[in-house]
C-alpha cells in the first residue's frame, strides 16, 4: 500500500486506513519524507507503532521543502541524505528502515556520492535495503555498480508502459518493481472499454482488473496503489483474488 502524497485532511480516517490495511494482510506500506514533509511518516507511526513483525516500511528521501513556487529542491548531497534518514527514523520510531528509496536522483550530485551515502547508512544498520525511484535502465545499471539495489519505483500501469525496459531490467536482476500510479485515472478509448468488459466478466471492478493485470504481467511487480478510504483499500486488496484467464490477459496486454 502507498500512502497518499498529500497530508491527511482527516487524520482519524487516515489512521483507520493504515490499521485496516494491516488487518487485511498488507505487508508493505510505502511513504516518503515529501508526503506532507514528514507528516505522513508521523501518521504511520501513530497508527501502527509498534509495527507487526511481518510489515515492511518503505520511505523515500532526496527532496527538501522550500518557499519557492515549486515548493521543493533536490537534496541528494551525502550530508543531507544522512540527515533525512535520521529524521525518518525518528518520525517512524524505527531503529532501521526496511526499504529506503532515493526519491529522485539529484542531477547536481554525482550518482556515486548519493548511492555511496545510502550504502554507508546500510552498513551502519540504519537501513536494510536500498531502492530507486523514477530511473531509466542506464541509471539503474550505474546505481547497481555502486550498491545492491532492491527495488525500483517508477510510474507504470496497464495504459502507461513507458518504463517497460526498466521493468525488464528488474526482471533480469531479480529486483522488485513497485509501480506508482498502478491504476490509470481517467482512461478512455478502446483499451479502457476492454477493462470494463473484462471487469463484468469477472464480477470485479475496473480497478481490480488493472491491478490483477499487473500481478499477472511480471513476477517482480509489487503494486502499491494509494488510497485515502477504507472502502477503496478493500477494493484494492480484493484484486489479489481476481484471476485473469490467458485470453483476458492477452486482450488487456495488446
Protein backbone atom coordinates (compact mmCIF):
# COMPACT_ATOMS: atom_id res chain seq x y z
CA UNK A 1 0.00 0.00 0.00
CA UNK A 2 1.10 3.53 -0.78
CA UNK A 3 0.25 6.47 1.48
CA UNK A 4 -1.14 9.43 -0.44
CA UNK A 5 1.40 12.22 -1.14
CA UNK A 6 -0.76 14.96 0.37
CA UNK A 7 -1.10 15.30 4.16
CA UNK A 8 -4.22 13.61 5.52
CA UNK A 9 -7.12 16.04 5.90
CA UNK A 10 -8.93 13.63 8.23
CA UNK A 11 -6.27 12.16 10.49
CA UNK A 12 -8.61 9.70 12.18
CA UNK A 13 -9.71 8.33 8.80
CA UNK A 14 -6.09 8.01 7.64
CA UNK A 15 -5.17 6.12 10.81
CA UNK A 16 -8.14 3.81 10.24
CA UNK A 17 -6.98 3.09 6.67
CA UNK A 18 -3.47 2.16 7.84
CA UNK A 19 -4.80 -0.13 10.57
CA UNK A 20 -7.30 -1.78 8.25
CA UNK A 21 -4.51 -2.42 5.73
CA UNK A 22 -2.64 -4.47 8.31
CA UNK A 23 -5.83 -6.34 9.22
CA UNK A 24 -6.26 -7.25 5.54
CA UNK A 25 -2.75 -8.68 5.33
CA UNK A 26 -0.89 -5.82 3.64
CA UNK A 27 2.82 -6.40 4.28
CA UNK A 28 4.38 -3.31 2.64
CA UNK A 29 3.47 0.32 3.26
CA UNK A 30 5.22 2.98 1.18
CA UNK A 31 5.56 6.62 2.20
CA UNK A 32 8.08 9.45 1.79
CA UNK A 33 9.52 12.49 3.52
CA UNK A 34 7.99 14.61 0.75
CA UNK A 35 4.47 13.39 1.56
CA UNK A 36 3.41 16.16 3.89
CA UNK A 37 7.09 16.86 4.62
CA UNK A 38 7.21 14.24 7.32
CA UNK A 39 3.54 14.38 8.34
CA UNK A 40 2.68 11.05 6.73
CA UNK A 41 5.61 9.30 8.39
CA UNK A 42 4.38 10.64 11.75
CA UNK A 43 0.87 9.43 10.94
CA UNK A 44 2.09 5.95 10.05
CA UNK A 45 3.88 5.63 13.37
CA UNK A 46 0.82 6.91 15.23
CA UNK A 47 -1.37 4.33 13.51
CA UNK A 48 0.82 1.24 13.61
CA UNK A 49 3.72 1.51 16.05
CA UNK A 50 4.80 -0.93 17.36
CA UNK A 51 4.72 -2.44 13.90
CA UNK A 52 3.73 -6.06 13.18
CA UNK A 53 6.74 -8.29 12.58
CA UNK A 54 5.65 -9.07 9.01
CA UNK A 55 5.12 -5.43 7.98
CA UNK A 56 7.83 -3.73 5.92
CA UNK A 57 8.03 0.07 5.98
CA UNK A 58 9.38 1.85 2.90
CA UNK A 59 10.09 5.55 2.71
CA UNK A 60 11.96 7.94 0.44
CA UNK A 61 14.48 10.77 0.78
CA UNK A 62 16.08 13.19 -1.64
CA UNK A 63 13.93 16.35 -1.51
CA UNK A 64 13.76 19.34 0.81
CA UNK A 65 10.85 21.74 1.19
CA UNK A 66 11.40 25.34 0.03
CA UNK A 67 9.42 28.58 -0.07
CA UNK A 68 9.70 28.80 -3.87
CA UNK A 69 6.70 28.40 -6.16
CA UNK A 70 7.86 24.84 -6.87
CA UNK A 71 7.93 24.10 -3.17
CA UNK A 72 10.89 21.73 -3.19
CA UNK A 73 14.51 21.24 -4.22
CA UNK A 74 16.74 18.25 -4.77
CA UNK A 75 18.64 17.21 -1.65
CA UNK A 76 20.97 14.41 -2.69
CA UNK A 77 24.19 15.56 -1.05
CA UNK A 78 25.50 12.85 1.30
CA UNK A 79 25.10 15.01 4.40
CA UNK A 80 21.52 15.88 3.53
CA UNK A 81 20.61 12.27 2.81
CA UNK A 82 22.02 11.24 6.17
CA UNK A 83 20.01 13.97 7.93
CA UNK A 84 16.82 12.90 6.18
CA UNK A 85 17.32 9.25 7.10
CA UNK A 86 17.87 10.17 10.75
CA UNK A 87 14.71 12.32 10.66
CA UNK A 88 12.72 9.46 9.09
CA UNK A 89 13.94 7.01 11.73
CA UNK A 90 12.77 9.40 14.44
CA UNK A 91 9.36 10.07 12.87
CA UNK A 92 8.71 6.41 12.09
CA UNK A 93 10.04 5.35 15.52
CA UNK A 94 12.36 2.81 13.94
CA UNK A 95 15.93 1.71 14.54
CA UNK A 96 16.22 0.58 10.92
CA UNK A 97 14.19 1.37 7.79
CA UNK A 98 13.25 -1.77 5.84
CA UNK A 99 13.45 -0.11 2.40
CA UNK A 100 14.96 3.35 1.90
CA UNK A 101 14.40 4.74 -1.60
CA UNK A 102 16.07 7.67 -3.31
CA UNK A 103 13.02 9.66 -4.41
CA UNK A 104 14.85 11.12 -7.41
CA UNK A 105 18.47 11.23 -8.48
CA UNK A 106 19.88 14.68 -7.73
CA UNK A 107 21.34 15.99 -11.02
CA UNK A 108 23.73 18.23 -9.08
CA UNK A 109 25.40 15.44 -7.11
CA UNK A 110 27.42 12.54 -8.55
CA UNK A 111 25.36 9.36 -8.52
CA UNK A 112 28.19 7.50 -6.78
CA UNK A 113 28.11 10.02 -3.92
CA UNK A 114 24.34 9.68 -3.46
CA UNK A 115 24.33 5.88 -3.54
CA UNK A 116 27.55 5.73 -1.56
CA UNK A 117 25.88 7.66 1.26
CA UNK A 118 22.98 5.22 1.32
CA UNK A 119 25.42 2.29 1.21
CA UNK A 120 27.19 3.71 4.27
CA UNK A 121 23.87 4.07 6.09
CA UNK A 122 23.03 0.48 5.21
CA UNK A 123 26.39 -0.71 6.50
CA UNK A 124 25.74 1.21 9.74
CA UNK A 125 22.45 -0.67 10.16
CA UNK A 126 20.15 2.33 9.70
CA UNK A 127 18.56 0.93 6.54
CA UNK A 128 18.11 -2.66 5.41
CA UNK A 129 17.64 -2.27 1.65
CA UNK A 130 18.10 0.48 -0.93
CA UNK A 131 15.69 1.39 -3.71
CA UNK A 132 15.40 3.92 -6.51
CA UNK A 133 12.52 5.90 -7.98
CA UNK A 134 11.93 7.19 -11.50
CA UNK A 135 15.12 5.93 -13.12
CA UNK A 136 15.85 4.64 -16.60
CA UNK A 137 17.70 1.42 -17.35
CA UNK A 138 21.06 3.20 -17.72
CA UNK A 139 20.71 4.88 -14.34
CA UNK A 140 19.71 1.58 -12.77
CA UNK A 141 22.80 -0.11 -14.18
CA UNK A 142 25.04 2.71 -12.94
CA UNK A 143 23.49 2.54 -9.48
CA UNK A 144 23.97 -1.23 -9.30
CA UNK A 145 27.68 -0.72 -9.91
CA UNK A 146 27.81 1.23 -6.63
CA UNK A 147 25.46 -0.73 -4.36
CA UNK A 148 22.92 -3.55 -4.41
CA UNK A 149 19.51 -2.23 -5.46
CA UNK A 150 16.46 -3.98 -4.00
CA UNK A 151 13.66 -2.09 -5.75
CA UNK A 152 12.69 0.44 -8.40
CA UNK A 153 9.57 2.58 -8.11
CA UNK A 154 8.52 4.02 -11.49
CA UNK A 155 5.20 5.15 -12.92
CA UNK A 156 3.66 2.15 -14.65
CA UNK A 157 0.21 0.74 -15.33
CA UNK A 158 -1.79 -1.10 -17.96
CA UNK A 159 -2.27 2.04 -20.04
CA UNK A 160 1.15 3.61 -19.43
CA UNK A 161 4.07 1.26 -20.08
CA UNK A 162 6.80 3.78 -20.83
CA UNK A 163 9.09 2.10 -18.31
CA UNK A 164 8.77 -1.42 -19.74
CA UNK A 165 12.57 -1.54 -20.40
CA UNK A 166 13.22 -0.79 -16.73
CA UNK A 167 10.76 -3.49 -15.70
CA UNK A 168 12.58 -5.98 -17.94
CA UNK A 169 15.93 -4.98 -16.41
CA UNK A 170 14.45 -5.56 -12.95
CA UNK A 171 13.20 -8.99 -14.00
CA UNK A 172 16.65 -9.96 -15.24
CA UNK A 173 18.28 -8.83 -12.00
CA UNK A 174 15.60 -10.06 -9.59
CA UNK A 175 14.81 -6.52 -8.43
CA UNK A 176 11.32 -5.68 -7.14
CA UNK A 177 9.41 -3.23 -9.36
CA UNK A 178 6.94 -1.04 -7.45
CA UNK A 179 4.67 0.73 -9.94
CA UNK A 180 3.35 4.01 -8.64
CA UNK A 181 0.02 5.11 -10.07
CA UNK A 182 -0.71 1.45 -10.86
CA UNK A 183 -4.25 2.31 -11.92
CA UNK A 184 -4.59 4.86 -14.75
CA UNK A 185 -7.09 7.56 -13.80
CA UNK A 186 -9.50 8.99 -16.33
CA UNK A 187 -8.59 6.49 -19.03
CA UNK A 188 -10.67 6.41 -22.18
CA UNK A 189 -10.69 4.62 -25.51
CA UNK A 190 -10.81 1.02 -26.68
CA UNK A 191 -8.44 -0.34 -24.05
CA UNK A 192 -10.39 1.17 -21.14
CA UNK A 193 -13.56 -0.31 -22.65
CA UNK A 194 -11.83 -3.70 -22.67
CA UNK A 195 -11.00 -3.28 -18.98
CA UNK A 196 -14.66 -2.56 -18.24
CA UNK A 197 -15.78 -5.57 -20.29
CA UNK A 198 -13.41 -7.94 -18.51
CA UNK A 199 -14.42 -6.49 -15.14
CA UNK A 200 -18.01 -7.51 -15.90
CA UNK A 201 -16.86 -10.98 -16.97
CA UNK A 202 -15.08 -11.45 -13.65
CA UNK A 203 -17.62 -9.69 -11.44
CA UNK A 204 -14.81 -7.34 -10.42
CA UNK A 205 -14.18 -3.61 -10.66
CA UNK A 206 -12.03 -1.99 -13.37
CA UNK A 207 -9.53 -1.03 -10.67
CA UNK A 208 -9.24 -4.65 -9.57
CA UNK A 209 -8.74 -5.79 -13.16
CA UNK A 210 -5.96 -3.23 -13.67
CA UNK A 211 -4.15 -4.42 -10.54
CA UNK A 212 -4.72 -8.08 -11.43
CA UNK A 213 -3.11 -7.43 -14.81
CA UNK A 214 -0.02 -6.03 -13.10
CA UNK A 215 0.24 -9.09 -10.87
CA UNK A 216 -0.05 -11.37 -13.91
CA UNK A 217 2.32 -9.30 -16.04
CA UNK A 218 5.55 -9.81 -14.10
CA UNK A 219 6.72 -11.81 -11.08
CA UNK A 220 8.73 -8.83 -9.77
CA UNK A 221 5.83 -6.34 -9.77
CA UNK A 222 4.58 -5.28 -6.33
CA UNK A 223 1.64 -2.89 -6.85
CA UNK A 224 1.40 -0.04 -4.33
CA UNK A 225 -1.96 1.61 -5.02
CA UNK A 226 -2.61 4.72 -2.97
CA UNK A 227 -5.81 5.19 -1.04
CA UNK A 228 -7.42 7.51 1.47
CA UNK A 229 -10.52 5.43 2.29
CA UNK A 230 -11.14 2.02 3.80
CA UNK A 231 -13.59 1.13 1.01
CA UNK A 232 -11.01 1.88 -1.69
CA UNK A 233 -8.36 -0.03 0.27
CA UNK A 234 -10.61 -3.09 0.45
CA UNK A 235 -11.27 -2.84 -3.29
CA UNK A 236 -7.53 -2.73 -3.98
CA UNK A 237 -6.73 -5.68 -1.74
CA UNK A 238 -9.56 -7.64 -3.34
CA UNK A 239 -7.64 -7.52 -6.62
CA UNK A 240 -5.43 -10.27 -5.25
CA UNK A 241 -8.32 -12.70 -5.59
CA UNK A 242 -9.02 -11.74 -9.23
CA UNK A 243 -7.55 -14.28 -11.65
CA UNK A 244 -7.32 -13.39 -15.34
CA UNK A 245 -7.62 -16.11 -17.96
CA UNK A 246 -4.91 -16.20 -20.61
CA UNK A 247 -7.38 -14.78 -23.12
CA UNK A 248 -8.31 -11.91 -20.81
CA UNK A 249 -4.65 -11.14 -20.10
CA UNK A 250 -3.87 -11.09 -23.83
CA UNK A 251 -6.83 -8.82 -24.60
CA UNK A 252 -5.63 -6.34 -22.00
CA UNK A 253 -1.97 -6.54 -22.99
CA UNK A 254 -2.29 -5.93 -26.72
